[in-house]
């Protein structure tokens, strides 16, 4: 499958697909003419990448855990639970910080 077809199939822009490849998240072979050719499982890989990005994981972490995603796009091996819990705690800490900033700003405006 060529990059344009993968883009149409997944709804992810060609530019993002190239970025995923640069980040080591997506593999492509090259034709003799230099065009990217993806395996038939590439759409599932892209959906998994999108699911992990939507969950707030950075690409450096996705690169490490992508092989541990199994089954559906959002199903992960149990060994990832501690890592994902850590990410969840980080997100909750950032939310708490933002809520504190919101309260402070609201007090300033009141």
PDB file of N, CA and C in Angstrom:
ATOM      1  N   UNK A   1       0.854  -1.161   0.000  1.00  0.00           N
ATOM      2  CA  UNK A   1       0.000   0.000   0.000  1.00  0.00           C
ATOM      3  C   UNK A   1       0.904   1.230   0.000  1.00  0.00           C
ATOM      4  N   UNK A   2       0.608   2.172  -0.870  1.00  0.00           N
ATOM      5  CA  UNK A   2       1.390   3.399  -0.949  1.00  0.00           C
ATOM      6  C   UNK A   2       0.890   4.414   0.065  1.00  0.00           C
ATOM      7  N   UNK A   3       1.660   5.448   0.286  1.00  0.00           N
ATOM      8  CA  UNK A   3       1.371   6.407   1.343  1.00  0.00           C
ATOM      9  C   UNK A   3       0.036   7.120   1.143  1.00  0.00           C
ATOM     10  N   UNK A   4      -0.323   7.433  -0.098  1.00  0.00           N
ATOM     11  CA  UNK A   4      -1.606   8.094  -0.352  1.00  0.00           C
ATOM     12  C   UNK A   4      -2.782   7.213   0.020  1.00  0.00           C
ATOM     13  N   UNK A   5      -2.670   5.940  -0.298  1.00  0.00           N
ATOM     14  CA  UNK A   5      -3.735   5.002   0.052  1.00  0.00           C
ATOM     15  C   UNK A   5      -3.843   4.830   1.558  1.00  0.00           C
ATOM     16  N   UNK A   6      -2.688   4.752   2.230  1.00  0.00           N
ATOM     17  CA  UNK A   6      -2.689   4.638   3.690  1.00  0.00           C
ATOM     18  C   UNK A   6      -3.320   5.883   4.308  1.00  0.00           C
ATOM     19  N   UNK A   7      -3.028   7.021   3.754  1.00  0.00           N
ATOM     20  CA  UNK A   7      -3.606   8.268   4.236  1.00  0.00           C
ATOM     21  C   UNK A   7      -5.124   8.255   4.079  1.00  0.00           C
ATOM     22  N   UNK A   8      -5.601   7.853   2.926  1.00  0.00           N
ATOM     23  CA  UNK A   8      -7.057   7.802   2.686  1.00  0.00           C
ATOM     24  C   UNK A   8      -7.716   6.772   3.597  1.00  0.00           C
ATOM     25  N   UNK A   9      -7.067   5.631   3.768  1.00  0.00           N
ATOM     26  CA  UNK A   9      -7.632   4.554   4.583  1.00  0.00           C
ATOM     27  C   UNK A   9      -7.757   4.947   6.050  1.00  0.00           C
ATOM     28  N   UNK A  10      -6.758   5.667   6.553  1.00  0.00           N
ATOM     29  CA  UNK A  10      -6.708   5.978   7.983  1.00  0.00           C
ATOM     30  C   UNK A  10      -7.209   7.375   8.328  1.00  0.00           C
ATOM     31  N   UNK A  11      -7.292   8.252   7.333  1.00  0.00           N
ATOM     32  CA  UNK A  11      -7.670   9.634   7.605  1.00  0.00           C
ATOM     33  C   UNK A  11      -6.540  10.452   8.196  1.00  0.00           C
ATOM     34  N   UNK A  12      -5.333   9.924   8.151  1.00  0.00           N
ATOM     35  CA  UNK A  12      -4.149  10.613   8.671  1.00  0.00           C
ATOM     36  C   UNK A  12      -3.394  11.205   7.480  1.00  0.00           C
ATOM     37  N   UNK A  13      -2.985  12.441   7.609  1.00  0.00           N
ATOM     38  CA  UNK A  13      -2.335  13.116   6.493  1.00  0.00           C
ATOM     39  C   UNK A  13      -1.014  12.436   6.115  1.00  0.00           C
ATOM     40  N   UNK A  14      -0.648  12.614   4.873  1.00  0.00           N
ATOM     41  CA  UNK A  14       0.627  12.083   4.377  1.00  0.00           C
ATOM     42  C   UNK A  14       1.774  12.652   5.206  1.00  0.00           C
ATOM     43  N   UNK A  15       1.683  13.915   5.534  1.00  0.00           N
ATOM     44  CA  UNK A  15       2.741  14.555   6.332  1.00  0.00           C
ATOM     45  C   UNK A  15       2.906  13.864   7.694  1.00  0.00           C
ATOM     46  N   UNK A  16       1.781  13.557   8.345  1.00  0.00           N
ATOM     47  CA  UNK A  16       1.849  12.868   9.638  1.00  0.00           C
ATOM     48  C   UNK A  16       2.401  11.454   9.489  1.00  0.00           C
ATOM     49  N   UNK A  17       2.020  10.773   8.418  1.00  0.00           N
ATOM     50  CA  UNK A  17       2.550   9.424   8.197  1.00  0.00           C
ATOM     51  C   UNK A  17       4.066   9.466   8.044  1.00  0.00           C
ATOM     52  N   UNK A  18       4.567  10.461   7.325  1.00  0.00           N
ATOM     53  CA  UNK A  18       6.026  10.618   7.191  1.00  0.00           C
ATOM     54  C   UNK A  18       6.663  10.897   8.549  1.00  0.00           C
ATOM     55  N   UNK A  19       5.991  11.718   9.353  1.00  0.00           N
ATOM     56  CA  UNK A  19       6.481  12.019  10.691  1.00  0.00           C
ATOM     57  C   UNK A  19       6.533  10.753  11.543  1.00  0.00           C
ATOM     58  N   UNK A  20       5.483   9.939  11.485  1.00  0.00           N
ATOM     59  CA  UNK A  20       5.476   8.684  12.242  1.00  0.00           C
ATOM     60  C   UNK A  20       6.650   7.809  11.824  1.00  0.00           C
ATOM     61  N   UNK A  21       6.941   7.791  10.552  1.00  0.00           N
ATOM     62  CA  UNK A  21       8.077   7.011  10.063  1.00  0.00           C
ATOM     63  C   UNK A  21       9.388   7.585  10.603  1.00  0.00           C
ATOM     64  N   UNK A  22       9.538   8.911  10.573  1.00  0.00           N
ATOM     65  CA  UNK A  22      10.745   9.560  11.107  1.00  0.00           C
ATOM     66  C   UNK A  22      10.938   9.246  12.583  1.00  0.00           C
ATOM     67  N   UNK A  23       9.834   9.140  13.312  1.00  0.00           N
ATOM     68  CA  UNK A  23       9.885   8.878  14.750  1.00  0.00           C
ATOM     69  C   UNK A  23      10.074   7.396  15.075  1.00  0.00           C
ATOM     70  N   UNK A  24      10.119   6.553  14.061  1.00  0.00           N
ATOM     71  CA  UNK A  24      10.314   5.126  14.282  1.00  0.00           C
ATOM     72  C   UNK A  24       9.045   4.394  14.690  1.00  0.00           C
ATOM     73  N   UNK A  25       7.890   4.999  14.407  1.00  0.00           N
ATOM     74  CA  UNK A  25       6.617   4.391  14.780  1.00  0.00           C
ATOM     75  C   UNK A  25       6.022   3.545  13.661  1.00  0.00           C
ATOM     76  N   UNK A  26       6.414   3.819  12.445  1.00  0.00           N
ATOM     77  CA  UNK A  26       5.818   3.191  11.279  1.00  0.00           C
ATOM     78  C   UNK A  26       6.934   2.839  10.302  1.00  0.00           C
ATOM     79  N   UNK A  27       6.896   1.632   9.788  1.00  0.00           N
ATOM     80  CA  UNK A  27       7.920   1.177   8.852  1.00  0.00           C
ATOM     81  C   UNK A  27       7.376   1.155   7.436  1.00  0.00           C
ATOM     82  N   UNK A  28       8.249   1.491   6.496  1.00  0.00           N
ATOM     83  CA  UNK A  28       7.884   1.427   5.081  1.00  0.00           C
ATOM     84  C   UNK A  28       9.078   0.898   4.299  1.00  0.00           C
ATOM     85  N   UNK A  29       8.777   0.091   3.319  1.00  0.00           N
ATOM     86  CA  UNK A  29       9.793  -0.308   2.356  1.00  0.00           C
ATOM     87  C   UNK A  29       9.785   0.745   1.257  1.00  0.00           C
ATOM     88  N   UNK A  30      10.782   0.671   0.389  1.00  0.00           N
ATOM     89  CA  UNK A  30      10.857   1.614  -0.725  1.00  0.00           C
ATOM     90  C   UNK A  30      10.884   0.855  -2.038  1.00  0.00           C
ATOM     91  N   UNK A  31      10.181   1.406  -3.028  1.00  0.00           N
ATOM     92  CA  UNK A  31      10.239   0.846  -4.372  1.00  0.00           C
ATOM     93  C   UNK A  31      11.561   1.282  -4.997  1.00  0.00           C
ATOM     94  N   UNK A  32      11.957   0.694  -6.114  1.00  0.00           N
ATOM     95  CA  UNK A  32      13.175   1.147  -6.787  1.00  0.00           C
ATOM     96  C   UNK A  32      13.120   2.646  -7.127  1.00  0.00           C
ATOM     97  N   UNK A  33      11.915   3.178  -7.296  1.00  0.00           N
ATOM     98  CA  UNK A  33      11.747   4.600  -7.578  1.00  0.00           C
ATOM     99  C   UNK A  33      11.726   5.460  -6.328  1.00  0.00           C
ATOM    100  N   UNK A  34      11.838   4.842  -5.137  1.00  0.00           N
ATOM    101  CA  UNK A  34      11.893   5.583  -3.880  1.00  0.00           C
ATOM    102  C   UNK A  34      10.563   5.813  -3.198  1.00  0.00           C
ATOM    103  N   UNK A  35       9.471   5.312  -3.765  1.00  0.00           N
ATOM    104  CA  UNK A  35       8.162   5.491  -3.128  1.00  0.00           C
ATOM    105  C   UNK A  35       8.016   4.567  -1.923  1.00  0.00           C
ATOM    106  N   UNK A  36       7.342   5.088  -0.917  1.00  0.00           N
ATOM    107  CA  UNK A  36       7.078   4.285   0.269  1.00  0.00           C
ATOM    108  C   UNK A  36       6.000   3.249  -0.038  1.00  0.00           C
ATOM    109  N   UNK A  37       6.222   2.038   0.499  1.00  0.00           N
ATOM    110  CA  UNK A  37       5.226   0.968   0.387  1.00  0.00           C
ATOM    111  C   UNK A  37       5.069   0.373   1.782  1.00  0.00           C
ATOM    112  N   UNK A  38       3.821   0.340   2.256  1.00  0.00           N
ATOM    113  CA  UNK A  38       3.523  -0.130   3.603  1.00  0.00           C
ATOM    114  C   UNK A  38       2.908  -1.515   3.565  1.00  0.00           C
ATOM    115  N   UNK A  39       3.127  -2.274   4.634  1.00  0.00           N
ATOM    116  CA  UNK A  39       2.526  -3.597   4.779  1.00  0.00           C
ATOM    117  C   UNK A  39       1.019  -3.474   4.964  1.00  0.00           C
ATOM    118  N   UNK A  40       0.339  -4.585   4.817  1.00  0.00           N
ATOM    119  CA  UNK A  40      -1.119  -4.589   4.955  1.00  0.00           C
ATOM    120  C   UNK A  40      -1.574  -4.280   6.389  1.00  0.00           C
ATOM    121  N   UNK A  41      -0.679  -4.462   7.367  1.00  0.00           N
ATOM    122  CA  UNK A  41      -1.053  -4.169   8.749  1.00  0.00           C
ATOM    123  C   UNK A  41      -0.815  -2.705   9.126  1.00  0.00           C
ATOM    124  N   UNK A  42      -0.334  -1.893   8.193  1.00  0.00           N
ATOM    125  CA  UNK A  42      -0.045  -0.485   8.479  1.00  0.00           C
ATOM    126  C   UNK A  42      -1.272   0.296   8.957  1.00  0.00           C
ATOM    127  N   UNK A  43      -2.463   0.100   8.378  1.00  0.00           N
ATOM    128  CA  UNK A  43      -3.623   0.846   8.900  1.00  0.00           C
ATOM    129  C   UNK A  43      -3.887   0.568  10.382  1.00  0.00           C
ATOM    130  N   UNK A  44      -3.746  -0.675  10.798  1.00  0.00           N
ATOM    131  CA  UNK A  44      -3.945  -1.009  12.217  1.00  0.00           C
ATOM    132  C   UNK A  44      -2.875  -0.334  13.067  1.00  0.00           C
ATOM    133  N   UNK A  45      -1.646  -0.312  12.582  1.00  0.00           N
ATOM    134  CA  UNK A  45      -0.561   0.351  13.316  1.00  0.00           C
ATOM    135  C   UNK A  45      -0.849   1.834  13.456  1.00  0.00           C
ATOM    136  N   UNK A  46      -1.287   2.469  12.385  1.00  0.00           N
ATOM    137  CA  UNK A  46      -1.605   3.896  12.443  1.00  0.00           C
ATOM    138  C   UNK A  46      -2.747   4.145  13.425  1.00  0.00           C
ATOM    139  N   UNK A  47      -3.768   3.309  13.429  1.00  0.00           N
ATOM    140  CA  UNK A  47      -4.874   3.476  14.390  1.00  0.00           C
ATOM    141  C   UNK A  47      -4.364   3.336  15.821  1.00  0.00           C
ATOM    142  N   UNK A  48      -3.458   2.408  16.042  1.00  0.00           N
ATOM    143  CA  UNK A  48      -2.889   2.251  17.393  1.00  0.00           C
ATOM    144  C   UNK A  48      -2.092   3.488  17.782  1.00  0.00           C
ATOM    145  N   UNK A  49      -1.305   3.995  16.862  1.00  0.00           N
ATOM    146  CA  UNK A  49      -0.537   5.216  17.135  1.00  0.00           C
ATOM    147  C   UNK A  49      -1.486   6.349  17.509  1.00  0.00           C
ATOM    148  N   UNK A  50      -2.555   6.527  16.737  1.00  0.00           N
ATOM    149  CA  UNK A  50      -3.517   7.591  17.010  1.00  0.00           C
ATOM    150  C   UNK A  50      -4.174   7.398  18.380  1.00  0.00           C
ATOM    151  N   UNK A  51      -4.511   6.154  18.720  1.00  0.00           N
ATOM    152  CA  UNK A  51      -5.127   5.875  20.018  1.00  0.00           C
ATOM    153  C   UNK A  51      -4.186   6.260  21.148  1.00  0.00           C
ATOM    154  N   UNK A  52      -2.916   5.905  21.016  1.00  0.00           N
ATOM    155  CA  UNK A  52      -1.936   6.221  22.056  1.00  0.00           C
ATOM    156  C   UNK A  52      -1.663   7.719  22.123  1.00  0.00           C
ATOM    157  N   UNK A  53      -1.614   8.386  20.981  1.00  0.00           N
ATOM    158  CA  UNK A  53      -1.453   9.844  20.975  1.00  0.00           C
ATOM    159  C   UNK A  53      -2.651  10.511  21.633  1.00  0.00           C
ATOM    160  N   UNK A  54      -3.853  10.039  21.314  1.00  0.00           N
ATOM    161  CA  UNK A  54      -5.067  10.596  21.917  1.00  0.00           C
ATOM    162  C   UNK A  54      -5.081  10.405  23.429  1.00  0.00           C
ATOM    163  N   UNK A  55      -4.402   9.365  23.904  1.00  0.00           N
ATOM    164  CA  UNK A  55      -4.315   9.100  25.337  1.00  0.00           C
ATOM    165  C   UNK A  55      -3.243   9.962  26.008  1.00  0.00           C
ATOM    166  N   UNK A  56      -2.554  10.784  25.211  1.00  0.00           N
ATOM    167  CA  UNK A  56      -1.579  11.706  25.779  1.00  0.00           C
ATOM    168  C   UNK A  56      -0.161  11.192  25.833  1.00  0.00           C
ATOM    169  N   UNK A  57       0.114  10.044  25.245  1.00  0.00           N
ATOM    170  CA  UNK A  57       1.472   9.516  25.274  1.00  0.00           C
ATOM    171  C   UNK A  57       2.322  10.220  24.221  1.00  0.00           C
ATOM    172  N   UNK A  58       3.541  10.583  24.575  1.00  0.00           N
ATOM    173  CA  UNK A  58       4.441  11.201  23.597  1.00  0.00           C
ATOM    174  C   UNK A  58       4.985  10.142  22.625  1.00  0.00           C
ATOM    175  N   UNK A  59       5.423  10.575  21.466  1.00  0.00           N
ATOM    176  CA  UNK A  59       5.889   9.629  20.446  1.00  0.00           C
ATOM    177  C   UNK A  59       7.077   8.811  20.930  1.00  0.00           C
ATOM    178  N   UNK A  60       7.948   9.391  21.754  1.00  0.00           N
ATOM    179  CA  UNK A  60       9.107   8.628  22.251  1.00  0.00           C
ATOM    180  C   UNK A  60       8.649   7.427  23.076  1.00  0.00           C
ATOM    181  N   UNK A  61       7.573   7.603  23.830  1.00  0.00           N
ATOM    182  CA  UNK A  61       7.032   6.513  24.630  1.00  0.00           C
ATOM    183  C   UNK A  61       6.251   5.536  23.753  1.00  0.00           C
ATOM    184  N   UNK A  62       5.526   6.055  22.793  1.00  0.00           N
ATOM    185  CA  UNK A  62       4.782   5.183  21.881  1.00  0.00           C
ATOM    186  C   UNK A  62       5.736   4.251  21.156  1.00  0.00           C
ATOM    187  N   UNK A  63       6.882   4.758  20.757  1.00  0.00           N
ATOM    188  CA  UNK A  63       7.881   3.933  20.075  1.00  0.00           C
ATOM    189  C   UNK A  63       8.272   2.735  20.940  1.00  0.00           C
ATOM    190  N   UNK A  64       8.357   2.961  22.244  1.00  0.00           N
ATOM    191  CA  UNK A  64       8.743   1.894  23.165  1.00  0.00           C
ATOM    192  C   UNK A  64       7.629   0.874  23.391  1.00  0.00           C
ATOM    193  N   UNK A  65       6.377   1.316  23.369  1.00  0.00           N
ATOM    194  CA  UNK A  65       5.279   0.438  23.759  1.00  0.00           C
ATOM    195  C   UNK A  65       4.446  -0.084  22.602  1.00  0.00           C
ATOM    196  N   UNK A  66       4.666   0.417  21.411  1.00  0.00           N
ATOM    197  CA  UNK A  66       3.796   0.074  20.284  1.00  0.00           C
ATOM    198  C   UNK A  66       3.719  -1.425  20.035  1.00  0.00           C
ATOM    199  N   UNK A  67       4.811  -2.130  20.219  1.00  0.00           N
ATOM    200  CA  UNK A  67       4.799  -3.571  20.006  1.00  0.00           C
ATOM    201  C   UNK A  67       4.014  -4.316  21.086  1.00  0.00           C
ATOM    202  N   UNK A  68       3.713  -3.630  22.184  1.00  0.00           N
ATOM    203  CA  UNK A  68       2.960  -4.261  23.271  1.00  0.00           C
ATOM    204  C   UNK A  68       1.461  -4.028  23.154  1.00  0.00           C
ATOM    205  N   UNK A  69       1.040  -3.325  22.118  1.00  0.00           N
ATOM    206  CA  UNK A  69      -0.389  -3.145  21.870  1.00  0.00           C
ATOM    207  C   UNK A  69      -0.844  -4.368  21.099  1.00  0.00           C
ATOM    208  N   UNK A  70      -1.911  -4.973  21.553  1.00  0.00           N
ATOM    209  CA  UNK A  70      -2.366  -6.207  20.928  1.00  0.00           C
ATOM    210  C   UNK A  70      -3.862  -6.137  20.676  1.00  0.00           C
ATOM    211  N   UNK A  71      -4.338  -7.056  19.897  1.00  0.00           N
ATOM    212  CA  UNK A  71      -5.776  -7.127  19.658  1.00  0.00           C
ATOM    213  C   UNK A  71      -6.322  -5.849  19.073  1.00  0.00           C
ATOM    214  N   UNK A  72      -7.286  -5.259  19.771  1.00  0.00           N
ATOM    215  CA  UNK A  72      -7.897  -4.025  19.290  1.00  0.00           C
ATOM    216  C   UNK A  72      -6.899  -2.881  19.402  1.00  0.00           C
ATOM    217  N   UNK A  73      -7.280  -1.749  18.869  1.00  0.00           N
ATOM    218  CA  UNK A  73      -6.383  -0.594  18.846  1.00  0.00           C
ATOM    219  C   UNK A  73      -6.004  -0.111  20.229  1.00  0.00           C
ATOM    220  N   UNK A  74      -6.812  -0.401  21.229  1.00  0.00           N
ATOM    221  CA  UNK A  74      -6.579   0.123  22.567  1.00  0.00           C
ATOM    222  C   UNK A  74      -6.271  -0.956  23.599  1.00  0.00           C
ATOM    223  N   UNK A  75      -5.997  -2.150  23.174  1.00  0.00           N
ATOM    224  CA  UNK A  75      -5.723  -3.253  24.095  1.00  0.00           C
ATOM    225  C   UNK A  75      -4.209  -3.377  24.264  1.00  0.00           C
ATOM    226  N   UNK A  76      -3.726  -3.372  25.508  1.00  0.00           N
ATOM    227  CA  UNK A  76      -2.292  -3.448  25.757  1.00  0.00           C
ATOM    228  C   UNK A  76      -1.951  -4.629  26.650  1.00  0.00           C
ATOM    229  N   UNK A  77      -0.713  -5.049  26.571  1.00  0.00           N
ATOM    230  CA  UNK A  77      -0.230  -6.126  27.428  1.00  0.00           C
ATOM    231  C   UNK A  77      -0.242  -5.658  28.886  1.00  0.00           C
ATOM    232  N   UNK A  78      -0.522  -6.546  29.820  1.00  0.00           N
ATOM    233  CA  UNK A  78      -0.560  -6.165  31.246  1.00  0.00           C
ATOM    234  C   UNK A  78       0.749  -5.570  31.755  1.00  0.00           C
ATOM    235  N   UNK A  79       1.879  -5.927  31.151  1.00  0.00           N
ATOM    236  CA  UNK A  79       3.157  -5.402  31.614  1.00  0.00           C
ATOM    237  C   UNK A  79       3.257  -3.885  31.427  1.00  0.00           C
ATOM    238  N   UNK A  80       2.390  -3.299  30.618  1.00  0.00           N
ATOM    239  CA  UNK A  80       2.407  -1.852  30.402  1.00  0.00           C
ATOM    240  C   UNK A  80       1.617  -1.082  31.448  1.00  0.00           C
ATOM    241  N   UNK A  81       0.861  -1.776  32.267  1.00  0.00           N
ATOM    242  CA  UNK A  81       0.005  -1.102  33.239  1.00  0.00           C
ATOM    243  C   UNK A  81       0.772  -0.106  34.103  1.00  0.00           C
ATOM    244  N   UNK A  82       1.922  -0.452  34.687  1.00  0.00           N
ATOM    245  CA  UNK A  82       2.626   0.541  35.510  1.00  0.00           C
ATOM    246  C   UNK A  82       3.027   1.793  34.724  1.00  0.00           C
ATOM    247  N   UNK A  83       3.481   1.623  33.525  1.00  0.00           N
ATOM    248  CA  UNK A  83       3.877   2.757  32.693  1.00  0.00           C
ATOM    249  C   UNK A  83       2.675   3.642  32.359  1.00  0.00           C
ATOM    250  N   UNK A  84       1.570   3.018  32.002  1.00  0.00           N
ATOM    251  CA  UNK A  84       0.373   3.784  31.673  1.00  0.00           C
ATOM    252  C   UNK A  84      -0.208   4.465  32.908  1.00  0.00           C
ATOM    253  N   UNK A  85      -0.132   3.814  34.055  1.00  0.00           N
ATOM    254  CA  UNK A  85      -0.579   4.447  35.303  1.00  0.00           C
ATOM    255  C   UNK A  85       0.273   5.671  35.620  1.00  0.00           C
ATOM    256  N   UNK A  86       1.556   5.582  35.368  1.00  0.00           N
ATOM    257  CA  UNK A  86       2.448   6.728  35.583  1.00  0.00           C
ATOM    258  C   UNK A  86       2.053   7.885  34.664  1.00  0.00           C
ATOM    259  N   UNK A  87       1.760   7.568  33.414  1.00  0.00           N
ATOM    260  CA  UNK A  87       1.313   8.600  32.478  1.00  0.00           C
ATOM    261  C   UNK A  87       0.004   9.222  32.951  1.00  0.00           C
ATOM    262  N   UNK A  88      -0.901   8.395  33.446  1.00  0.00           N
ATOM    263  CA  UNK A  88      -2.182   8.892  33.951  1.00  0.00           C
ATOM    264  C   UNK A  88      -1.960   9.835  35.132  1.00  0.00           C
ATOM    265  N   UNK A  89      -1.071   9.464  36.048  1.00  0.00           N
ATOM    266  CA  UNK A  89      -0.764  10.325  37.192  1.00  0.00           C
ATOM    267  C   UNK A  89      -0.184  11.656  36.721  1.00  0.00           C
ATOM    268  N   UNK A  90       0.692  11.615  35.733  1.00  0.00           N
ATOM    269  CA  UNK A  90       1.270  12.849  35.201  1.00  0.00           C
ATOM    270  C   UNK A  90       0.187  13.760  34.633  1.00  0.00           C
ATOM    271  N   UNK A  91      -0.745  13.184  33.892  1.00  0.00           N
ATOM    272  CA  UNK A  91      -1.836  13.967  33.314  1.00  0.00           C
ATOM    273  C   UNK A  91      -2.708  14.545  34.430  1.00  0.00           C
ATOM    274  N   UNK A  92      -3.012  13.739  35.441  1.00  0.00           N
ATOM    275  CA  UNK A  92      -3.830  14.219  36.555  1.00  0.00           C
ATOM    276  C   UNK A  92      -3.119  15.352  37.294  1.00  0.00           C
ATOM    277  N   UNK A  93      -1.793  15.263  37.442  1.00  0.00           N
ATOM    278  CA  UNK A  93      -1.027  16.338  38.088  1.00  0.00           C
ATOM    279  C   UNK A  93      -1.092  17.626  37.264  1.00  0.00           C
ATOM    280  N   UNK A  94      -0.992  17.491  35.946  1.00  0.00           N
ATOM    281  CA  UNK A  94      -1.079  18.683  35.089  1.00  0.00           C
ATOM    282  C   UNK A  94      -2.474  19.303  35.168  1.00  0.00           C
ATOM    283  N   UNK A  95      -3.511  18.453  35.216  1.00  0.00           N
ATOM    284  CA  UNK A  95      -4.883  18.959  35.344  1.00  0.00           C
ATOM    285  C   UNK A  95      -5.041  19.701  36.663  1.00  0.00           C
ATOM    286  N   UNK A  96      -4.516  19.133  37.741  1.00  0.00           N
ATOM    287  CA  UNK A  96      -4.612  19.783  39.052  1.00  0.00           C
ATOM    288  C   UNK A  96      -3.901  21.142  39.014  1.00  0.00           C
ATOM    289  N   UNK A  97      -2.757  21.196  38.371  1.00  0.00           N
ATOM    290  CA  UNK A  97      -2.037  22.464  38.247  1.00  0.00           C
ATOM    291  C   UNK A  97      -2.825  23.489  37.451  1.00  0.00           C
ATOM    292  N   UNK A  98      -3.444  23.047  36.370  1.00  0.00           N
ATOM    293  CA  UNK A  98      -4.260  23.955  35.565  1.00  0.00           C
ATOM    294  C   UNK A  98      -5.490  24.434  36.328  1.00  0.00           C
ATOM    295  N   UNK A  99      -6.092  23.530  37.107  1.00  0.00           N
ATOM    296  CA  UNK A  99      -7.250  23.940  37.903  1.00  0.00           C
ATOM    297  C   UNK A  99      -6.849  24.983  38.940  1.00  0.00           C
ATOM    298  N   UNK A 100      -5.669  24.821  39.540  1.00  0.00           N
ATOM    299  CA  UNK A 100      -5.168  25.824  40.481  1.00  0.00           C
ATOM    300  C   UNK A 100      -4.932  27.156  39.791  1.00  0.00           C
ATOM    301  N   UNK A 101      -4.370  27.115  38.599  1.00  0.00           N
ATOM    302  CA  UNK A 101      -4.161  28.344  37.830  1.00  0.00           C
ATOM    303  C   UNK A 101      -5.491  28.995  37.487  1.00  0.00           C
ATOM    304  N   UNK A 102      -6.472  28.197  37.138  1.00  0.00           N
ATOM    305  CA  UNK A 102      -7.798  28.727  36.804  1.00  0.00           C
ATOM    306  C   UNK A 102      -8.416  29.424  38.011  1.00  0.00           C
ATOM    307  N   UNK A 103      -8.317  28.792  39.171  1.00  0.00           N
ATOM    308  CA  UNK A 103      -8.865  29.410  40.395  1.00  0.00           C
ATOM    309  C   UNK A 103      -8.161  30.736  40.694  1.00  0.00           C
ATOM    310  N   UNK A 104      -6.836  30.743  40.560  1.00  0.00           N
ATOM    311  CA  UNK A 104      -6.085  31.976  40.820  1.00  0.00           C
ATOM    312  C   UNK A 104      -6.467  33.076  39.846  1.00  0.00           C
ATOM    313  N   UNK A 105      -6.603  32.727  38.592  1.00  0.00           N
ATOM    314  CA  UNK A 105      -6.981  33.709  37.590  1.00  0.00           C
ATOM    315  C   UNK A 105      -8.399  34.218  37.824  1.00  0.00           C
ATOM    316  N   UNK A 106      -9.295  33.319  38.208  1.00  0.00           N
ATOM    317  CA  UNK A 106     -10.670  33.725  38.501  1.00  0.00           C
ATOM    318  C   UNK A 106     -10.701  34.691  39.681  1.00  0.00           C
ATOM    319  N   UNK A 107      -9.874  34.448  40.693  1.00  0.00           N
ATOM    320  CA  UNK A 107      -9.809  35.360  41.844  1.00  0.00           C
ATOM    321  C   UNK A 107      -9.304  36.726  41.414  1.00  0.00           C
ATOM    322  N   UNK A 108      -8.329  36.756  40.521  1.00  0.00           N
ATOM    323  CA  UNK A 108      -7.804  38.032  40.028  1.00  0.00           C
ATOM    324  C   UNK A 108      -8.864  38.816  39.263  1.00  0.00           C
ATOM    325  N   UNK A 109      -9.706  38.102  38.546  1.00  0.00           N
ATOM    326  CA  UNK A 109     -10.738  38.763  37.750  1.00  0.00           C
ATOM    327  C   UNK A 109     -11.932  39.179  38.583  1.00  0.00           C
ATOM    328  N   UNK A 110     -12.111  38.534  39.745  1.00  0.00           N
ATOM    329  CA  UNK A 110     -13.294  38.822  40.583  1.00  0.00           C
ATOM    330  C   UNK A 110     -13.197  40.156  41.276  1.00  0.00           C
TER     331      UNK A 110
END
